[in-house]
Amino acid sequence: RVYDSDFYYKWSIEKQFHVGDSLLFEYGNEVNDVLEISGDLEFKFCDPTSPIAVHKTGQDLVKLTKPGVHYFISSETGHCEAGLKLRVVVAPEVPNVPKLSLIQRFIRWLRSFRAHH
């Protein structure tokens, strides 16, 4: 039973998700499931009729493969309405940029300065 219906909403808005990240859903699979749904209206009204993915193992690892908004709900009666739903905003993949040391950044800055003057 979820007492704070905004719990998952509050959790997700404090996080930054990127393509390639994964979400782990852990739950009792005999009484619950996780549906990925496609739209804001389905999410708002807890509509489980057209899921784009269904997860039922109780240990579901869902990889976020596309940027945009992703919606997850429980199809069990009353669970989604009580707050057992999750909306995450996924940003594009973070490029793998090597970290430069302070001295490397300074040298790069000096070179760019000389190139302009």
N, C-alpha and C. Protein backbone atom coordinates (compact mmCIF):
# COMPACT_ATOMS: atom_id res chain seq x y z
N ARG A 1 0.85 -1.18 0.00
CA ARG A 1 0.00 0.00 0.00
C ARG A 1 0.89 1.24 0.00
N VAL A 2 0.57 2.17 -0.87
CA VAL A 2 1.34 3.40 -0.98
C VAL A 2 0.57 4.50 -0.26
N TYR A 3 1.17 5.08 0.76
CA TYR A 3 0.49 6.10 1.55
C TYR A 3 0.68 7.49 0.97
N ASP A 4 1.85 7.78 0.46
CA ASP A 4 2.11 9.09 -0.14
C ASP A 4 2.00 8.92 -1.64
N SER A 5 0.87 9.36 -2.21
CA SER A 5 0.64 9.14 -3.64
C SER A 5 1.61 9.91 -4.52
N ASP A 6 2.33 10.87 -3.96
CA ASP A 6 3.32 11.63 -4.73
C ASP A 6 4.74 11.10 -4.53
N PHE A 7 4.91 10.00 -3.82
CA PHE A 7 6.24 9.50 -3.49
C PHE A 7 7.11 9.28 -4.73
N TYR A 8 6.60 8.54 -5.71
CA TYR A 8 7.40 8.23 -6.89
C TYR A 8 7.60 9.46 -7.78
N TYR A 9 6.60 10.33 -7.80
CA TYR A 9 6.75 11.59 -8.53
C TYR A 9 7.88 12.43 -7.93
N LYS A 10 7.87 12.57 -6.62
CA LYS A 10 8.92 13.35 -5.94
C LYS A 10 10.29 12.72 -6.16
N TRP A 11 10.35 11.40 -6.12
CA TRP A 11 11.62 10.70 -6.33
C TRP A 11 12.15 10.97 -7.73
N SER A 12 11.29 10.85 -8.73
CA SER A 12 11.76 10.95 -10.12
C SER A 12 12.15 12.37 -10.53
N ILE A 13 11.50 13.40 -9.97
CA ILE A 13 11.86 14.76 -10.40
C ILE A 13 13.20 15.20 -9.83
N GLU A 14 13.68 14.50 -8.82
CA GLU A 14 14.99 14.82 -8.25
C GLU A 14 16.13 14.12 -8.97
N LYS A 15 15.81 13.30 -9.96
CA LYS A 15 16.81 12.48 -10.65
C LYS A 15 17.00 12.97 -12.09
N GLN A 16 18.20 12.70 -12.61
CA GLN A 16 18.48 12.93 -14.03
C GLN A 16 18.71 11.59 -14.68
N PHE A 17 17.90 11.27 -15.67
CA PHE A 17 18.01 10.01 -16.39
C PHE A 17 18.53 10.29 -17.79
N HIS A 18 19.37 9.37 -18.29
CA HIS A 18 19.92 9.49 -19.64
C HIS A 18 19.73 8.17 -20.37
N VAL A 19 19.71 8.25 -21.70
CA VAL A 19 19.67 7.05 -22.52
C VAL A 19 20.81 6.14 -22.07
N GLY A 20 20.50 4.87 -21.88
CA GLY A 20 21.49 3.91 -21.40
C GLY A 20 21.34 3.58 -19.92
N ASP A 21 20.66 4.46 -19.16
CA ASP A 21 20.37 4.16 -17.75
C ASP A 21 19.34 3.04 -17.68
N SER A 22 19.26 2.41 -16.52
CA SER A 22 18.26 1.35 -16.30
C SER A 22 17.49 1.63 -15.02
N LEU A 23 16.26 1.17 -14.98
CA LEU A 23 15.43 1.22 -13.78
C LEU A 23 15.19 -0.21 -13.32
N LEU A 24 15.34 -0.45 -12.03
CA LEU A 24 15.05 -1.76 -11.47
C LEU A 24 13.74 -1.67 -10.68
N PHE A 25 12.75 -2.44 -11.13
CA PHE A 25 11.47 -2.50 -10.43
C PHE A 25 11.45 -3.79 -9.62
N GLU A 26 11.36 -3.66 -8.30
CA GLU A 26 11.27 -4.82 -7.41
C GLU A 26 9.92 -4.79 -6.72
N TYR A 27 9.19 -5.89 -6.81
CA TYR A 27 7.84 -5.94 -6.24
C TYR A 27 7.42 -7.40 -6.13
N GLY A 28 6.36 -7.62 -5.40
CA GLY A 28 5.81 -8.97 -5.29
C GLY A 28 5.02 -9.30 -6.55
N ASN A 29 5.56 -10.19 -7.39
CA ASN A 29 4.93 -10.43 -8.69
C ASN A 29 3.61 -11.19 -8.59
N GLU A 30 3.30 -11.76 -7.44
CA GLU A 30 2.01 -12.42 -7.32
C GLU A 30 0.87 -11.41 -7.12
N VAL A 31 1.19 -10.17 -6.77
CA VAL A 31 0.14 -9.16 -6.56
C VAL A 31 0.35 -7.90 -7.38
N ASN A 32 1.37 -7.87 -8.22
CA ASN A 32 1.64 -6.63 -8.95
C ASN A 32 2.31 -6.91 -10.28
N ASP A 33 2.49 -5.86 -11.07
CA ASP A 33 3.21 -5.90 -12.33
C ASP A 33 3.62 -4.47 -12.66
N VAL A 34 4.36 -4.31 -13.74
CA VAL A 34 4.76 -2.99 -14.21
C VAL A 34 4.45 -2.92 -15.70
N LEU A 35 3.65 -1.95 -16.08
CA LEU A 35 3.35 -1.73 -17.49
C LEU A 35 4.02 -0.43 -17.92
N GLU A 36 4.71 -0.48 -19.06
CA GLU A 36 5.18 0.77 -19.65
C GLU A 36 4.10 1.19 -20.63
N ILE A 37 3.66 2.44 -20.47
CA ILE A 37 2.60 2.95 -21.34
C ILE A 37 3.12 4.14 -22.13
N SER A 38 2.36 4.54 -23.14
CA SER A 38 2.93 5.47 -24.11
C SER A 38 2.58 6.94 -23.90
N GLY A 39 1.58 7.26 -23.11
CA GLY A 39 1.18 8.66 -23.10
C GLY A 39 0.77 9.22 -21.77
N ASP A 40 0.72 10.54 -21.74
CA ASP A 40 0.39 11.28 -20.53
C ASP A 40 -1.04 11.02 -20.08
N LEU A 41 -1.98 10.91 -21.00
CA LEU A 41 -3.37 10.65 -20.61
C LEU A 41 -3.51 9.27 -19.98
N GLU A 42 -2.87 8.27 -20.59
CA GLU A 42 -2.92 6.92 -20.01
C GLU A 42 -2.32 6.93 -18.61
N PHE A 43 -1.24 7.70 -18.44
CA PHE A 43 -0.60 7.81 -17.13
C PHE A 43 -1.52 8.50 -16.13
N LYS A 44 -2.05 9.64 -16.53
CA LYS A 44 -2.91 10.42 -15.63
C LYS A 44 -4.13 9.62 -15.17
N PHE A 45 -4.73 8.87 -16.10
CA PHE A 45 -5.95 8.15 -15.78
C PHE A 45 -5.71 6.66 -15.48
N CYS A 46 -4.42 6.28 -15.35
CA CYS A 46 -4.07 4.89 -14.99
C CYS A 46 -4.72 3.88 -15.94
N ASP A 47 -4.58 4.11 -17.24
CA ASP A 47 -5.20 3.28 -18.25
C ASP A 47 -4.22 2.19 -18.70
N PRO A 48 -4.47 0.93 -18.33
CA PRO A 48 -3.55 -0.16 -18.67
C PRO A 48 -3.88 -0.88 -19.98
N THR A 49 -4.81 -0.36 -20.78
CA THR A 49 -5.33 -1.14 -21.92
C THR A 49 -4.37 -1.27 -23.10
N SER A 50 -3.40 -0.37 -23.27
CA SER A 50 -2.50 -0.47 -24.43
C SER A 50 -1.04 -0.31 -24.02
N PRO A 51 -0.51 -1.21 -23.22
CA PRO A 51 0.89 -1.06 -22.81
C PRO A 51 1.85 -1.29 -23.98
N ILE A 52 3.00 -0.63 -23.92
CA ILE A 52 4.03 -0.89 -24.93
C ILE A 52 5.00 -1.96 -24.42
N ALA A 53 4.98 -2.23 -23.11
CA ALA A 53 5.77 -3.32 -22.53
C ALA A 53 5.10 -3.75 -21.23
N VAL A 54 5.19 -5.05 -20.94
CA VAL A 54 4.62 -5.62 -19.71
C VAL A 54 5.74 -6.36 -18.98
N HIS A 55 5.88 -6.06 -17.70
CA HIS A 55 6.92 -6.70 -16.87
C HIS A 55 6.22 -7.37 -15.69
N LYS A 56 6.57 -8.64 -15.42
CA LYS A 56 5.85 -9.39 -14.39
C LYS A 56 6.74 -10.25 -13.51
N THR A 57 8.07 -10.08 -13.57
CA THR A 57 8.93 -11.01 -12.82
C THR A 57 9.11 -10.63 -11.36
N GLY A 58 8.87 -9.36 -11.02
CA GLY A 58 9.14 -8.89 -9.66
C GLY A 58 10.55 -8.37 -9.49
N GLN A 59 11.39 -8.58 -10.50
CA GLN A 59 12.78 -8.10 -10.53
C GLN A 59 13.06 -7.63 -11.96
N ASP A 60 12.38 -6.59 -12.40
CA ASP A 60 12.47 -6.16 -13.79
C ASP A 60 13.46 -5.03 -13.97
N LEU A 61 14.47 -5.29 -14.81
CA LEU A 61 15.45 -4.28 -15.14
C LEU A 61 15.06 -3.72 -16.51
N VAL A 62 14.69 -2.44 -16.52
CA VAL A 62 14.22 -1.80 -17.75
C VAL A 62 15.26 -0.79 -18.19
N LYS A 63 15.84 -1.02 -19.37
CA LYS A 63 16.85 -0.11 -19.91
C LYS A 63 16.14 1.01 -20.67
N LEU A 64 16.56 2.24 -20.38
CA LEU A 64 15.99 3.42 -21.04
C LEU A 64 16.75 3.64 -22.34
N THR A 65 16.12 3.34 -23.46
CA THR A 65 16.81 3.33 -24.75
C THR A 65 16.54 4.55 -25.61
N LYS A 66 15.53 5.36 -25.24
CA LYS A 66 15.19 6.53 -26.05
C LYS A 66 15.00 7.75 -25.16
N PRO A 67 15.40 8.93 -25.66
CA PRO A 67 15.11 10.15 -24.89
C PRO A 67 13.61 10.43 -24.91
N GLY A 68 13.17 11.21 -23.95
CA GLY A 68 11.76 11.58 -23.87
C GLY A 68 11.17 11.17 -22.54
N VAL A 69 9.85 11.23 -22.47
CA VAL A 69 9.14 10.89 -21.24
C VAL A 69 8.74 9.42 -21.30
N HIS A 70 9.01 8.69 -20.22
CA HIS A 70 8.65 7.28 -20.11
C HIS A 70 7.69 7.14 -18.92
N TYR A 71 6.63 6.35 -19.12
CA TYR A 71 5.59 6.18 -18.11
C TYR A 71 5.48 4.72 -17.71
N PHE A 72 5.36 4.48 -16.41
CA PHE A 72 5.21 3.13 -15.87
C PHE A 72 4.08 3.14 -14.86
N ILE A 73 3.19 2.15 -14.95
CA ILE A 73 2.08 2.04 -14.00
C ILE A 73 1.91 0.58 -13.58
N SER A 74 1.16 0.37 -12.51
CA SER A 74 0.71 -0.95 -12.13
C SER A 74 -0.69 -1.14 -12.72
N SER A 75 -0.96 -2.35 -13.22
CA SER A 75 -2.29 -2.60 -13.78
C SER A 75 -3.27 -3.13 -12.73
N GLU A 76 -2.77 -3.41 -11.53
CA GLU A 76 -3.65 -3.95 -10.50
C GLU A 76 -4.64 -2.88 -10.03
N THR A 77 -5.87 -3.27 -9.88
CA THR A 77 -6.95 -2.34 -9.52
C THR A 77 -6.61 -1.53 -8.28
N GLY A 78 -6.66 -0.22 -8.41
CA GLY A 78 -6.44 0.70 -7.30
C GLY A 78 -5.00 1.05 -7.01
N HIS A 79 -4.04 0.26 -7.49
CA HIS A 79 -2.64 0.52 -7.17
C HIS A 79 -2.13 1.79 -7.84
N CYS A 80 -2.37 1.94 -9.13
CA CYS A 80 -1.93 3.14 -9.84
C CYS A 80 -2.61 4.38 -9.26
N GLU A 81 -3.91 4.27 -9.04
CA GLU A 81 -4.67 5.39 -8.48
C GLU A 81 -4.15 5.81 -7.11
N ALA A 82 -3.58 4.85 -6.38
CA ALA A 82 -3.02 5.14 -5.05
C ALA A 82 -1.60 5.70 -5.13
N GLY A 83 -1.05 5.80 -6.36
CA GLY A 83 0.26 6.40 -6.52
C GLY A 83 1.35 5.46 -7.00
N LEU A 84 1.00 4.21 -7.30
CA LEU A 84 2.00 3.25 -7.76
C LEU A 84 2.18 3.42 -9.28
N LYS A 85 2.83 4.56 -9.61
CA LYS A 85 3.12 4.88 -11.00
C LYS A 85 4.34 5.78 -11.03
N LEU A 86 5.05 5.75 -12.15
CA LEU A 86 6.31 6.46 -12.26
C LEU A 86 6.42 7.11 -13.63
N ARG A 87 6.84 8.37 -13.63
CA ARG A 87 7.08 9.12 -14.87
C ARG A 87 8.53 9.59 -14.81
N VAL A 88 9.33 9.24 -15.82
CA VAL A 88 10.71 9.69 -15.86
C VAL A 88 10.99 10.39 -17.18
N VAL A 89 11.79 11.44 -17.10
CA VAL A 89 12.22 12.17 -18.29
C VAL A 89 13.65 11.75 -18.59
N VAL A 90 13.85 11.25 -19.79
CA VAL A 90 15.15 10.70 -20.18
C VAL A 90 15.82 11.65 -21.18
N ALA A 91 17.01 12.11 -20.81
CA ALA A 91 17.79 12.99 -21.67
C ALA A 91 18.62 12.14 -22.64
N PRO A 92 19.09 12.74 -23.73
CA PRO A 92 19.96 11.99 -24.64
C PRO A 92 21.19 11.46 -23.92
N GLU A 93 21.82 10.49 -24.53
CA GLU A 93 23.00 9.86 -23.95
C GLU A 93 24.09 10.90 -23.72
N VAL A 94 24.75 10.78 -22.58
CA VAL A 94 25.85 11.69 -22.26
C VAL A 94 27.08 11.22 -23.03
N PRO A 95 27.67 12.11 -23.85
CA PRO A 95 28.86 11.68 -24.59
C PRO A 95 30.00 11.34 -23.63
N ASN A 96 30.80 10.39 -24.02
CA ASN A 96 31.91 9.95 -23.19
C ASN A 96 33.10 10.88 -23.43
N VAL A 97 33.10 12.02 -22.76
CA VAL A 97 34.14 13.01 -22.92
C VAL A 97 35.21 12.79 -21.85
N PRO A 98 36.47 12.64 -22.27
CA PRO A 98 37.51 12.43 -21.25
C PRO A 98 37.67 13.68 -20.38
N LYS A 99 37.90 13.43 -19.12
CA LYS A 99 38.12 14.53 -18.17
C LYS A 99 39.55 15.05 -18.34
N LEU A 100 39.67 16.36 -18.42
CA LEU A 100 40.99 16.97 -18.54
C LEU A 100 41.43 17.49 -17.18
N SER A 101 42.68 17.31 -16.88
CA SER A 101 43.21 17.84 -15.63
C SER A 101 43.27 19.36 -15.73
N LEU A 102 43.47 20.00 -14.62
CA LEU A 102 43.54 21.45 -14.58
C LEU A 102 44.66 21.97 -15.48
N ILE A 103 45.81 21.32 -15.46
CA ILE A 103 46.93 21.78 -16.28
C ILE A 103 46.63 21.57 -17.76
N GLN A 104 45.94 20.46 -18.11
CA GLN A 104 45.58 20.22 -19.51
C GLN A 104 44.59 21.28 -20.01
N ARG A 105 43.65 21.65 -19.16
CA ARG A 105 42.70 22.70 -19.54
C ARG A 105 43.42 24.04 -19.71
N PHE A 106 44.37 24.33 -18.85
CA PHE A 106 45.13 25.57 -18.92
C PHE A 106 45.94 25.63 -20.23
N ILE A 107 46.60 24.53 -20.57
CA ILE A 107 47.39 24.47 -21.81
C ILE A 107 46.46 24.65 -23.01
N ARG A 108 45.31 23.99 -23.00
CA ARG A 108 44.36 24.12 -24.10
C ARG A 108 43.88 25.57 -24.21
N TRP A 109 43.62 26.21 -23.08
CA TRP A 109 43.19 27.61 -23.08
C TRP A 109 44.28 28.51 -23.64
N LEU A 110 45.55 28.27 -23.23
CA LEU A 110 46.66 29.07 -23.75
C LEU A 110 46.77 28.93 -25.27
N ARG A 111 46.65 27.71 -25.76
CA ARG A 111 46.73 27.49 -27.20
C ARG A 111 45.61 28.21 -27.93
N SER A 112 44.42 28.16 -27.40
CA SER A 112 43.30 28.84 -28.06
C SER A 112 43.50 30.37 -28.00
N PHE A 113 44.07 30.85 -26.93
CA PHE A 113 44.33 32.28 -26.80
C PHE A 113 45.34 32.74 -27.85
N ARG A 114 46.42 31.97 -28.01
CA ARG A 114 47.45 32.33 -28.99
C ARG A 114 46.90 32.25 -30.42
N ALA A 115 45.99 31.31 -30.67
CA ALA A 115 45.44 31.16 -32.01
C ALA A 115 44.57 32.35 -32.41
N HIS A 116 43.99 33.03 -31.43
CA HIS A 116 43.12 34.18 -31.73
C HIS A 116 43.85 35.50 -31.71
N HIS A 117 45.06 35.55 -31.24
CA HIS A 117 45.76 36.83 -31.11
C HIS A 117 47.05 36.84 -31.88
